[in-house]
Amino acid sequence: DCSLRAMLAVNPDNTTGGFLATRHLLDIGRQRIAYIAGSLAHVSILERAHGYRRALFEAGILADAELEVVAPLGLPHDRGASAAMQQLLRLRKPPDAVFACNDMAALAALDTCLAAGLRVPEDVAIVGFDDVQTAASAKPPLTTVRVDRQALGRMGVELAMQGGSLPRLNTLPVELIVRQSTVG
């Protein structure tokens, strides 16, 4: 049976990750927090946006549509994220923080800010998602939401081996890793 109901899945807790990233930015005093998204066809991107909006809502901040930018489709991922960051920087009142849907988008946003003469984190704090290998070695090192890829892989194998006895949708916890892109 190839129906959606029969599919088994394991994912990081994207909604909690988006919430943790945004809550961290709020906790360090940021008020105009942008979200750079990739393709909205990906459920994970929508879930991360939901966590972002929930953190803003719980802090009493109205989500601002001009601060949520989808990277242009059809461009390489880093160029799309850079274009999205450039769009944010052109706003009459640019963001003082950015939560990007993944680390590659966050790193492109970081490079775009530095190229524009902004200081990270003093002028713009940036948080990514995934904790890719290059996040820790970025200049400055990137604050990110860590996904335990080994646990995802193990759970994927378990689903393949004994899928019938496990829940169809499985969510694994994530962890905020604070580095210098948000705290100097």
Protein backbone atom coordinates (compact mmCIF):
# COMPACT_ATOMS: atom_id res chain seq x y z
CA ASP A 1 0.00 0.00 0.00
CA CYS A 2 1.62 3.25 -1.16
CA SER A 3 -0.99 5.57 0.34
CA LEU A 4 0.11 8.46 2.53
CA ARG A 5 -1.46 6.72 5.55
CA ALA A 6 0.85 3.73 5.07
CA MET A 7 4.04 5.83 4.88
CA LEU A 8 6.39 5.78 7.83
CA ALA A 9 8.45 8.84 8.70
CA VAL A 10 11.02 10.07 11.19
CA ASN A 11 11.81 13.77 11.44
CA PRO A 12 13.48 16.19 13.80
CA ASP A 13 11.07 18.24 15.93
CA ASN A 14 11.00 21.11 13.44
CA THR A 15 8.32 23.12 15.23
CA THR A 16 10.15 23.02 18.56
CA GLY A 17 13.39 23.87 16.76
CA GLY A 18 11.85 26.96 15.17
CA PHE A 19 10.44 27.94 18.55
CA LEU A 20 13.79 27.46 20.36
CA ALA A 21 15.71 29.46 17.74
CA THR A 22 13.26 32.37 17.82
CA ARG A 23 12.87 32.27 21.61
CA HIS A 24 16.68 32.51 21.93
CA LEU A 25 16.72 35.60 19.70
CA LEU A 26 13.94 37.17 21.77
CA ASP A 27 15.77 36.28 25.00
CA ILE A 28 18.86 38.19 23.85
CA GLY A 29 16.73 41.27 23.21
CA ARG A 30 16.02 41.10 19.48
CA GLN A 31 12.69 42.55 18.34
CA ARG A 32 12.64 42.44 14.51
CA ILE A 33 13.29 38.79 13.83
CA ALA A 34 13.10 37.63 10.22
CA TYR A 35 12.56 34.10 8.92
CA ILE A 36 14.27 33.01 5.71
CA ALA A 37 12.44 30.01 4.25
CA GLY A 38 13.25 27.61 1.48
CA SER A 39 10.59 25.96 -0.66
CA LEU A 40 7.24 25.98 1.12
CA ALA A 41 6.55 22.60 -0.49
CA HIS A 42 8.69 21.07 2.29
CA VAL A 43 6.70 20.30 5.43
CA SER A 44 9.82 20.83 7.57
CA ILE A 45 10.08 24.46 6.38
CA LEU A 46 6.44 25.09 7.28
CA GLU A 47 6.87 23.44 10.69
CA ARG A 48 9.92 25.59 11.46
CA ALA A 49 7.93 28.70 10.43
CA HIS A 50 5.13 27.60 12.78
CA GLY A 51 7.62 27.41 15.68
CA TYR A 52 8.98 30.85 14.73
CA ARG A 53 5.49 32.38 14.73
CA ARG A 54 4.52 30.64 17.97
CA ALA A 55 7.55 32.10 19.78
CA LEU A 56 6.69 35.58 18.50
CA PHE A 57 3.04 35.15 19.52
CA GLU A 58 3.94 33.95 23.01
CA ALA A 59 6.22 37.01 23.38
CA GLY A 60 3.35 39.31 22.39
CA ILE A 61 4.94 40.26 19.05
CA LEU A 62 2.79 40.30 15.94
CA ALA A 63 4.31 38.36 13.05
CA ASP A 64 5.30 40.79 10.30
CA ALA A 65 4.78 39.40 6.79
CA GLU A 66 7.61 41.52 5.36
CA LEU A 67 10.04 39.74 7.73
CA GLU A 68 9.16 36.29 6.33
CA VAL A 69 10.97 35.80 3.04
CA VAL A 70 11.05 32.72 0.82
CA ALA A 71 14.36 32.31 -0.98
CA PRO A 72 13.71 32.63 -4.73
CA LEU A 73 13.24 29.25 -6.36
CA GLY A 74 15.40 28.27 -9.29
CA LEU A 75 18.61 29.65 -7.80
CA PRO A 76 21.28 27.58 -6.07
CA HIS A 77 20.32 27.38 -2.38
CA ASP A 78 23.05 29.76 -1.14
CA ARG A 79 22.29 32.39 -3.82
CA GLY A 80 18.57 32.17 -3.05
CA ALA A 81 19.19 32.70 0.67
CA SER A 82 21.56 35.57 -0.10
CA ALA A 83 18.88 37.20 -2.30
CA ALA A 84 16.36 36.78 0.54
CA MET A 85 18.76 38.43 3.00
CA GLN A 86 19.40 41.30 0.57
CA GLN A 87 15.63 41.80 0.33
CA LEU A 88 15.43 41.98 4.14
CA LEU A 89 18.31 44.47 4.32
CA ARG A 90 16.50 46.77 1.85
CA LEU A 91 13.49 47.12 4.16
CA ARG A 92 12.81 50.56 5.60
CA LYS A 93 13.35 48.93 9.00
CA PRO A 94 15.63 45.87 8.50
CA PRO A 95 15.66 42.97 10.95
CA ASP A 96 17.99 42.86 13.95
CA ALA A 97 17.94 39.04 13.84
CA VAL A 98 17.36 36.21 11.38
CA PHE A 99 16.24 32.64 11.85
CA ALA A 100 17.02 30.72 8.66
CA CYS A 101 15.32 27.45 7.72
CA ASN A 102 18.67 25.65 7.63
CA ASP A 103 22.36 26.26 8.19
CA MET A 104 23.22 26.73 4.53
CA ALA A 105 20.68 29.56 4.29
CA ALA A 106 21.94 31.00 7.60
CA LEU A 107 25.56 30.92 6.41
CA ALA A 108 24.58 32.66 3.15
CA ALA A 109 22.67 35.28 5.17
CA LEU A 110 25.70 35.74 7.44
CA ASP A 111 28.02 36.27 4.44
CA THR A 112 25.52 38.74 2.92
CA CYS A 113 25.38 40.76 6.16
CA LEU A 114 29.17 40.86 6.46
CA ALA A 115 29.50 41.90 2.80
CA ALA A 116 27.03 44.75 3.48
CA GLY A 117 29.28 46.01 6.28
CA LEU A 118 27.11 44.75 9.13
CA ARG A 119 28.52 43.12 12.23
CA VAL A 120 27.26 39.71 13.34
CA PRO A 121 25.93 39.48 16.03
CA GLU A 122 26.06 43.16 17.03
CA ASP A 123 23.91 44.45 14.15
CA VAL A 124 22.19 41.22 13.10
CA ALA A 125 22.07 37.98 15.11
CA ILE A 126 21.68 34.80 13.03
CA VAL A 127 20.45 31.29 13.85
CA GLY A 128 20.36 28.28 11.52
CA PHE A 129 18.99 24.75 11.72
CA ASP A 130 20.75 21.36 11.34
CA ASP A 131 24.22 21.97 12.85
CA VAL A 132 26.11 21.08 9.69
CA GLN A 133 29.86 20.61 10.03
CA THR A 134 30.71 24.08 8.71
CA ALA A 135 28.44 25.84 11.25
CA ALA A 136 31.02 25.64 14.06
CA SER A 137 33.87 26.85 11.84
CA ALA A 138 32.01 29.81 10.28
CA LYS A 139 33.26 33.32 11.03
CA PRO A 140 31.61 33.93 13.45
CA PRO A 141 30.54 30.40 14.46
CA LEU A 142 26.84 29.86 13.78
CA THR A 143 24.21 29.40 16.48
CA THR A 144 21.99 26.58 15.28
CA VAL A 145 19.43 23.95 16.15
CA ARG A 146 21.19 20.59 16.30
CA VAL A 147 19.60 17.58 14.67
CA ASP A 148 20.92 14.18 15.76
CA ARG A 149 21.43 12.67 12.30
CA GLN A 150 22.66 9.36 13.72
CA ALA A 151 19.47 8.96 15.76
CA LEU A 152 17.43 9.84 12.66
CA GLY A 153 19.30 7.17 10.72
CA ARG A 154 18.86 4.56 13.46
CA MET A 155 15.14 5.28 13.68
CA GLY A 156 14.87 5.09 9.89
CA VAL A 157 16.43 1.62 9.94
CA GLU A 158 14.10 0.57 12.77
CA LEU A 159 11.12 1.79 10.75
CA ALA A 160 12.29 -0.19 7.73
CA MET A 161 12.88 -3.33 9.80
CA GLN A 162 9.83 -3.31 12.07
CA GLY A 163 7.67 -0.52 10.74
CA GLY A 164 4.37 -2.18 11.50
CA SER A 165 4.98 -2.09 15.24
CA LEU A 166 6.09 1.57 15.39
CA PRO A 167 4.06 4.79 15.01
CA ARG A 168 3.76 6.07 11.44
CA LEU A 169 5.12 9.52 12.33
CA ASN A 170 8.13 9.72 14.63
CA THR A 171 9.67 12.93 15.92
CA LEU A 172 13.10 13.18 17.50
CA PRO A 173 14.18 16.00 19.83
CA VAL A 174 16.42 18.89 18.77
CA GLU A 175 18.83 21.07 20.76
CA LEU A 176 19.78 24.74 20.49
CA ILE A 177 23.56 25.20 20.16
CA VAL A 178 24.51 28.78 21.04
CA ARG A 179 27.60 30.18 19.30
CA GLN A 180 28.98 33.61 18.44
CA SER A 181 26.53 34.49 15.65
CA THR A 182 24.05 35.45 18.38
CA VAL A 183 26.18 36.20 21.43
CA GLY A 184 29.47 38.03 20.95
